[in-house]
Amino acid sequence: MIKPRINFLRLVVVFLIFIIGLFIFGNWRLMGARQKVALKLNEANKGLEAISQEKKALQGKILQNQNYDYLEFVGREDLNLKKPGEQVVAFPPQETDQETDTSQKIKDLWQKFSEMLKKEKEK
């Protein structure tokens, strides 16, 4: 009668070890899933922070655009508007020294070239 009791105890021990193994494996998978969720949560928080900063910047621009002085500046500069009774004065763009030097060099080069052609024709 001792033998069946020992077999039964062995069976119970093996079953308990099997159950404990299942719990450990399940816990291990659950920890992996938690880590993935934590990473996604961190990424989402970073994205939320970036979006909130962008929102603040856009709200600042909205407030700036509602300012009359800014609207007047944009109207004058970008849309070429004027107030009634004002006269608009436009100045032509000035040539820089470098552009003048380059154009003078080109003129001199063509002049030398034409002189060379005249000399060739005379010969």
N, C-alpha and C. Protein backbone atom coordinates (compact mmCIF):
# COMPACT_ATOMS: atom_id res chain seq x y z
N MET A 1 0.80 -1.19 0.00
CA MET A 1 0.00 0.00 0.00
C MET A 1 0.85 1.27 0.00
N ILE A 2 2.06 1.15 0.31
CA ILE A 2 2.94 2.29 0.35
C ILE A 2 3.26 2.74 -1.07
N LYS A 3 3.38 1.84 -1.98
CA LYS A 3 3.71 2.19 -3.34
C LYS A 3 2.69 3.09 -4.01
N PRO A 4 1.41 2.86 -3.92
CA PRO A 4 0.46 3.77 -4.57
C PRO A 4 0.52 5.17 -3.96
N ARG A 5 0.77 5.26 -2.68
CA ARG A 5 0.82 6.58 -2.04
C ARG A 5 2.04 7.36 -2.55
N ILE A 6 3.18 6.69 -2.76
CA ILE A 6 4.38 7.35 -3.26
C ILE A 6 4.17 7.78 -4.70
N ASN A 7 3.53 6.96 -5.49
CA ASN A 7 3.24 7.34 -6.86
C ASN A 7 2.29 8.53 -6.91
N PHE A 8 1.33 8.54 -6.01
CA PHE A 8 0.39 9.65 -5.96
C PHE A 8 1.11 10.94 -5.56
N LEU A 9 2.03 10.87 -4.58
CA LEU A 9 2.79 12.05 -4.17
C LEU A 9 3.69 12.54 -5.30
N ARG A 10 4.30 11.60 -6.00
CA ARG A 10 5.14 12.00 -7.14
C ARG A 10 4.30 12.69 -8.21
N LEU A 11 3.13 12.16 -8.44
CA LEU A 11 2.23 12.75 -9.42
C LEU A 11 1.81 14.16 -8.99
N VAL A 12 1.52 14.35 -7.73
CA VAL A 12 1.14 15.66 -7.21
C VAL A 12 2.33 16.62 -7.32
N VAL A 13 3.53 16.19 -7.00
CA VAL A 13 4.72 17.04 -7.08
C VAL A 13 4.98 17.44 -8.52
N VAL A 14 4.91 16.51 -9.43
CA VAL A 14 5.11 16.82 -10.85
C VAL A 14 4.05 17.80 -11.33
N PHE A 15 2.82 17.58 -10.93
CA PHE A 15 1.73 18.48 -11.31
C PHE A 15 1.97 19.88 -10.76
N LEU A 16 2.38 19.99 -9.50
CA LEU A 16 2.67 21.30 -8.90
C LEU A 16 3.84 21.99 -9.61
N ILE A 17 4.87 21.23 -9.96
CA ILE A 17 6.01 21.81 -10.68
C ILE A 17 5.55 22.31 -12.05
N PHE A 18 4.68 21.53 -12.70
CA PHE A 18 4.15 21.94 -13.99
C PHE A 18 3.34 23.24 -13.86
N ILE A 19 2.50 23.33 -12.85
CA ILE A 19 1.67 24.53 -12.63
C ILE A 19 2.57 25.74 -12.33
N ILE A 20 3.59 25.55 -11.49
CA ILE A 20 4.51 26.64 -11.17
C ILE A 20 5.26 27.09 -12.43
N GLY A 21 5.67 26.14 -13.27
CA GLY A 21 6.32 26.46 -14.53
C GLY A 21 5.41 27.30 -15.44
N LEU A 22 4.13 26.93 -15.49
CA LEU A 22 3.18 27.71 -16.28
C LEU A 22 3.06 29.14 -15.75
N PHE A 23 3.00 29.28 -14.45
CA PHE A 23 2.91 30.62 -13.86
C PHE A 23 4.16 31.45 -14.17
N ILE A 24 5.33 30.82 -14.08
CA ILE A 24 6.58 31.54 -14.38
C ILE A 24 6.61 31.96 -15.84
N PHE A 25 6.25 31.06 -16.74
CA PHE A 25 6.23 31.38 -18.16
C PHE A 25 5.23 32.50 -18.46
N GLY A 26 4.06 32.42 -17.87
CA GLY A 26 3.05 33.47 -18.07
C GLY A 26 3.52 34.81 -17.55
N ASN A 27 4.16 34.80 -16.38
CA ASN A 27 4.67 36.04 -15.80
C ASN A 27 5.77 36.64 -16.67
N TRP A 28 6.63 35.77 -17.24
CA TRP A 28 7.70 36.23 -18.12
C TRP A 28 7.13 36.92 -19.37
N ARG A 29 6.11 36.32 -19.98
CA ARG A 29 5.47 36.93 -21.14
C ARG A 29 4.78 38.23 -20.77
N LEU A 30 4.16 38.27 -19.60
CA LEU A 30 3.48 39.48 -19.14
C LEU A 30 4.48 40.62 -18.93
N MET A 31 5.68 40.30 -18.41
CA MET A 31 6.70 41.33 -18.21
C MET A 31 7.16 41.89 -19.56
N GLY A 32 7.32 41.04 -20.56
CA GLY A 32 7.70 41.50 -21.89
C GLY A 32 6.65 42.42 -22.48
N ALA A 33 5.38 42.07 -22.31
CA ALA A 33 4.30 42.90 -22.81
C ALA A 33 4.27 44.24 -22.08
N ARG A 34 4.54 44.24 -20.78
CA ARG A 34 4.57 45.49 -20.01
C ARG A 34 5.68 46.41 -20.52
N GLN A 35 6.84 45.84 -20.82
CA GLN A 35 7.94 46.65 -21.32
C GLN A 35 7.59 47.29 -22.67
N LYS A 36 6.94 46.53 -23.54
CA LYS A 36 6.53 47.09 -24.83
C LYS A 36 5.52 48.22 -24.64
N VAL A 37 4.59 48.04 -23.75
CA VAL A 37 3.58 49.07 -23.48
C VAL A 37 4.24 50.30 -22.88
N ALA A 38 5.22 50.09 -22.00
CA ALA A 38 5.93 51.23 -21.39
C ALA A 38 6.69 52.02 -22.45
N LEU A 39 7.33 51.34 -23.40
CA LEU A 39 8.03 52.04 -24.47
C LEU A 39 7.07 52.84 -25.34
N LYS A 40 5.95 52.23 -25.69
CA LYS A 40 4.95 52.94 -26.49
C LYS A 40 4.40 54.15 -25.74
N LEU A 41 4.21 54.01 -24.43
CA LEU A 41 3.72 55.12 -23.63
C LEU A 41 4.73 56.26 -23.60
N ASN A 42 6.01 55.95 -23.47
CA ASN A 42 7.05 56.99 -23.49
C ASN A 42 7.07 57.71 -24.83
N GLU A 43 6.98 56.95 -25.93
CA GLU A 43 6.95 57.57 -27.25
C GLU A 43 5.72 58.47 -27.40
N ALA A 44 4.59 58.02 -26.92
CA ALA A 44 3.37 58.81 -27.01
C ALA A 44 3.49 60.09 -26.18
N ASN A 45 4.12 60.00 -25.01
CA ASN A 45 4.31 61.19 -24.18
C ASN A 45 5.24 62.19 -24.85
N LYS A 46 6.29 61.70 -25.50
CA LYS A 46 7.20 62.61 -26.22
C LYS A 46 6.46 63.29 -27.37
N GLY A 47 5.66 62.53 -28.09
CA GLY A 47 4.87 63.10 -29.18
C GLY A 47 3.88 64.13 -28.67
N LEU A 48 3.26 63.83 -27.54
CA LEU A 48 2.31 64.76 -26.95
C LEU A 48 3.00 66.05 -26.52
N GLU A 49 4.19 65.92 -25.98
CA GLU A 49 4.94 67.11 -25.55
C GLU A 49 5.31 67.97 -26.76
N ALA A 50 5.75 67.32 -27.84
CA ALA A 50 6.10 68.07 -29.06
C ALA A 50 4.87 68.78 -29.63
N ILE A 51 3.75 68.11 -29.62
CA ILE A 51 2.53 68.70 -30.16
C ILE A 51 2.06 69.86 -29.28
N SER A 52 2.21 69.73 -27.98
CA SER A 52 1.80 70.82 -27.10
C SER A 52 2.69 72.04 -27.28
N GLN A 53 3.99 71.83 -27.53
CA GLN A 53 4.88 72.96 -27.81
C GLN A 53 4.51 73.62 -29.14
N GLU A 54 4.18 72.81 -30.13
CA GLU A 54 3.74 73.36 -31.42
C GLU A 54 2.44 74.14 -31.25
N LYS A 55 1.56 73.64 -30.41
CA LYS A 55 0.29 74.33 -30.15
C LYS A 55 0.55 75.69 -29.52
N LYS A 56 1.48 75.74 -28.55
CA LYS A 56 1.80 77.02 -27.92
C LYS A 56 2.36 78.01 -28.94
N ALA A 57 3.23 77.50 -29.82
CA ALA A 57 3.82 78.37 -30.84
C ALA A 57 2.75 78.90 -31.78
N LEU A 58 1.83 78.04 -32.17
CA LEU A 58 0.75 78.47 -33.07
C LEU A 58 -0.19 79.46 -32.38
N GLN A 59 -0.44 79.25 -31.10
CA GLN A 59 -1.28 80.20 -30.37
C GLN A 59 -0.60 81.56 -30.28
N GLY A 60 0.73 81.54 -30.10
CA GLY A 60 1.46 82.81 -30.09
C GLY A 60 1.36 83.51 -31.43
N LYS A 61 1.44 82.75 -32.53
CA LYS A 61 1.30 83.35 -33.85
C LYS A 61 -0.10 83.90 -34.06
N ILE A 62 -1.09 83.20 -33.55
CA ILE A 62 -2.47 83.68 -33.67
C ILE A 62 -2.62 85.00 -32.94
N LEU A 63 -2.07 85.08 -31.74
CA LEU A 63 -2.14 86.34 -30.99
C LEU A 63 -1.40 87.45 -31.72
N GLN A 64 -0.27 87.11 -32.30
CA GLN A 64 0.50 88.10 -33.04
C GLN A 64 -0.27 88.57 -34.27
N ASN A 65 -0.92 87.65 -34.94
CA ASN A 65 -1.67 88.01 -36.14
C ASN A 65 -2.91 88.83 -35.82
N GLN A 66 -3.39 88.75 -34.61
CA GLN A 66 -4.54 89.54 -34.22
C GLN A 66 -4.14 90.97 -33.83
N ASN A 67 -2.86 91.20 -33.67
CA ASN A 67 -2.35 92.52 -33.32
C ASN A 67 -2.46 93.43 -34.54
N TYR A 68 -3.00 94.63 -34.37
CA TYR A 68 -3.23 95.54 -35.48
C TYR A 68 -1.92 95.97 -36.13
N ASP A 69 -0.89 96.23 -35.33
CA ASP A 69 0.38 96.68 -35.89
C ASP A 69 0.99 95.61 -36.80
N TYR A 70 0.87 94.36 -36.39
CA TYR A 70 1.40 93.29 -37.22
C TYR A 70 0.61 93.17 -38.52
N LEU A 71 -0.71 93.26 -38.43
CA LEU A 71 -1.54 93.19 -39.63
C LEU A 71 -1.21 94.34 -40.58
N GLU A 72 -0.96 95.51 -40.02
CA GLU A 72 -0.60 96.65 -40.86
C GLU A 72 0.76 96.39 -41.54
N PHE A 73 1.70 95.86 -40.80
CA PHE A 73 3.02 95.55 -41.36
C PHE A 73 2.90 94.55 -42.51
N VAL A 74 2.14 93.49 -42.30
CA VAL A 74 1.97 92.48 -43.34
C VAL A 74 1.27 93.08 -44.56
N GLY A 75 0.26 93.90 -44.32
CA GLY A 75 -0.44 94.54 -45.43
C GLY A 75 0.47 95.43 -46.25
N ARG A 76 1.32 96.16 -45.59
CA ARG A 76 2.22 97.08 -46.30
C ARG A 76 3.33 96.31 -47.03
N GLU A 77 3.96 95.37 -46.35
CA GLU A 77 5.13 94.69 -46.91
C GLU A 77 4.76 93.61 -47.91
N ASP A 78 3.86 92.73 -47.54
CA ASP A 78 3.56 91.58 -48.39
C ASP A 78 2.48 91.86 -49.43
N LEU A 79 1.49 92.65 -49.07
CA LEU A 79 0.36 92.87 -49.98
C LEU A 79 0.43 94.20 -50.72
N ASN A 80 1.46 95.00 -50.42
CA ASN A 80 1.65 96.30 -51.07
C ASN A 80 0.42 97.20 -50.92
N LEU A 81 -0.13 97.23 -49.74
CA LEU A 81 -1.29 98.09 -49.47
C LEU A 81 -0.81 99.41 -48.87
N LYS A 82 -1.68 100.42 -48.91
CA LYS A 82 -1.36 101.71 -48.31
C LYS A 82 -2.62 102.26 -47.67
N LYS A 83 -2.43 103.20 -46.77
CA LYS A 83 -3.56 103.86 -46.13
C LYS A 83 -4.10 104.92 -47.08
N PRO A 84 -5.36 105.27 -46.94
CA PRO A 84 -5.91 106.33 -47.79
C PRO A 84 -5.14 107.64 -47.56
N GLY A 85 -4.77 108.28 -48.66
CA GLY A 85 -4.05 109.54 -48.57
C GLY A 85 -2.55 109.39 -48.55
N GLU A 86 -2.03 108.20 -48.42
CA GLU A 86 -0.59 107.98 -48.41
C GLU A 86 -0.08 107.81 -49.83
N GLN A 87 1.17 108.14 -50.04
CA GLN A 87 1.80 107.90 -51.32
C GLN A 87 2.92 106.89 -51.12
N VAL A 88 3.02 105.99 -52.06
CA VAL A 88 4.05 104.94 -51.98
C VAL A 88 5.22 105.36 -52.84
N VAL A 89 6.39 105.26 -52.28
CA VAL A 89 7.62 105.60 -53.01
C VAL A 89 8.42 104.32 -53.14
N ALA A 90 8.83 104.01 -54.37
CA ALA A 90 9.63 102.81 -54.61
C ALA A 90 10.98 103.21 -55.17
N PHE A 91 12.01 102.61 -54.71
CA PHE A 91 13.35 102.88 -55.18
C PHE A 91 13.82 101.70 -56.02
N PRO A 92 14.46 101.98 -57.16
CA PRO A 92 14.97 100.86 -57.97
C PRO A 92 16.13 100.20 -57.24
N PRO A 93 16.31 98.93 -57.47
CA PRO A 93 17.43 98.25 -56.80
C PRO A 93 18.76 98.80 -57.30
N GLN A 94 19.68 98.97 -56.40
CA GLN A 94 20.98 99.52 -56.75
C GLN A 94 21.91 98.39 -57.16
N GLU A 95 22.75 98.69 -58.15
CA GLU A 95 23.73 97.70 -58.56
C GLU A 95 24.85 97.66 -57.52
N THR A 96 25.29 96.50 -57.25
CA THR A 96 26.40 96.39 -56.31
C THR A 96 27.70 96.63 -57.06
N ASP A 97 28.73 96.88 -56.33
CA ASP A 97 30.05 97.12 -56.93
C ASP A 97 30.53 95.91 -57.71
N GLN A 98 30.21 94.74 -57.22
CA GLN A 98 30.66 93.52 -57.88
C GLN A 98 30.00 93.37 -59.24
N GLU A 99 28.69 93.68 -59.32
CA GLU A 99 27.99 93.59 -60.60
C GLU A 99 28.57 94.60 -61.58
N THR A 100 28.87 95.80 -61.11
CA THR A 100 29.44 96.83 -61.97
C THR A 100 30.81 96.40 -62.47
N ASP A 101 31.64 95.87 -61.60
CA ASP A 101 32.97 95.41 -61.98
C ASP A 101 32.88 94.30 -63.02
N THR A 102 31.98 93.37 -62.82
CA THR A 102 31.84 92.26 -63.76
C THR A 102 31.37 92.75 -65.12
N SER A 103 30.37 93.61 -65.14
CA SER A 103 29.88 94.10 -66.42
C SER A 103 30.95 94.94 -67.13
N GLN A 104 31.75 95.68 -66.39
CA GLN A 104 32.83 96.47 -66.99
C GLN A 104 33.90 95.54 -67.57
N LYS A 105 34.21 94.48 -66.89
CA LYS A 105 35.20 93.52 -67.37
C LYS A 105 34.72 92.87 -68.67
N ILE A 106 33.42 92.56 -68.71
CA ILE A 106 32.88 91.96 -69.93
C ILE A 106 32.96 92.94 -71.10
N LYS A 107 32.62 94.19 -70.84
CA LYS A 107 32.71 95.22 -71.90
C LYS A 107 34.15 95.37 -72.39
N ASP A 108 35.10 95.39 -71.46
CA ASP A 108 36.52 95.50 -71.84
C ASP A 108 36.96 94.29 -72.66
N LEU A 109 36.51 93.13 -72.30
CA LEU A 109 36.88 91.92 -73.02
C LEU A 109 36.36 91.96 -74.45
N TRP A 110 35.12 92.39 -74.62
CA TRP A 110 34.55 92.47 -75.97
C TRP A 110 35.26 93.55 -76.79
N GLN A 111 35.63 94.61 -76.15
CA GLN A 111 36.34 95.68 -76.86
C GLN A 111 37.69 95.17 -77.36
N LYS A 112 38.41 94.44 -76.51
CA LYS A 112 39.69 93.88 -76.94
C LYS A 112 39.50 92.87 -78.06
N PHE A 113 38.44 92.10 -77.95
CA PHE A 113 38.16 91.11 -78.99
C PHE A 113 37.87 91.78 -80.33
N SER A 114 37.07 92.86 -80.32
CA SER A 114 36.76 93.58 -81.56
C SER A 114 38.02 94.24 -82.15
N GLU A 115 38.90 94.75 -81.28
CA GLU A 115 40.16 95.33 -81.76
C GLU A 115 41.03 94.27 -82.42
N MET A 116 41.06 93.08 -81.85
CA MET A 116 41.84 91.99 -82.43
C MET A 116 41.28 91.61 -83.80
N LEU A 117 39.95 91.60 -83.92
CA LEU A 117 39.34 91.27 -85.21
C LEU A 117 39.69 92.32 -86.27
N LYS A 118 39.68 93.59 -85.87
CA LYS A 118 40.04 94.67 -86.81
C LYS A 118 41.48 94.54 -87.29
N LYS A 119 42.38 94.20 -86.37
CA LYS A 119 43.78 94.01 -86.74
C LYS A 119 43.94 92.85 -87.70
N GLU A 120 43.19 91.77 -87.49
CA GLU A 120 43.26 90.61 -88.35
C GLU A 120 42.76 90.94 -89.75
N LYS A 121 41.73 91.77 -89.85
CA LYS A 121 41.17 92.14 -91.14
C LYS A 121 42.15 93.05 -91.91
N GLU A 122 42.87 93.89 -91.19
CA GLU A 122 43.82 94.81 -91.83
C GLU A 122 44.99 94.03 -92.44
N LYS A 123 45.37 92.95 -91.89
CA LYS A 123 46.51 92.17 -92.40
C LYS A 123 46.16 91.45 -93.63
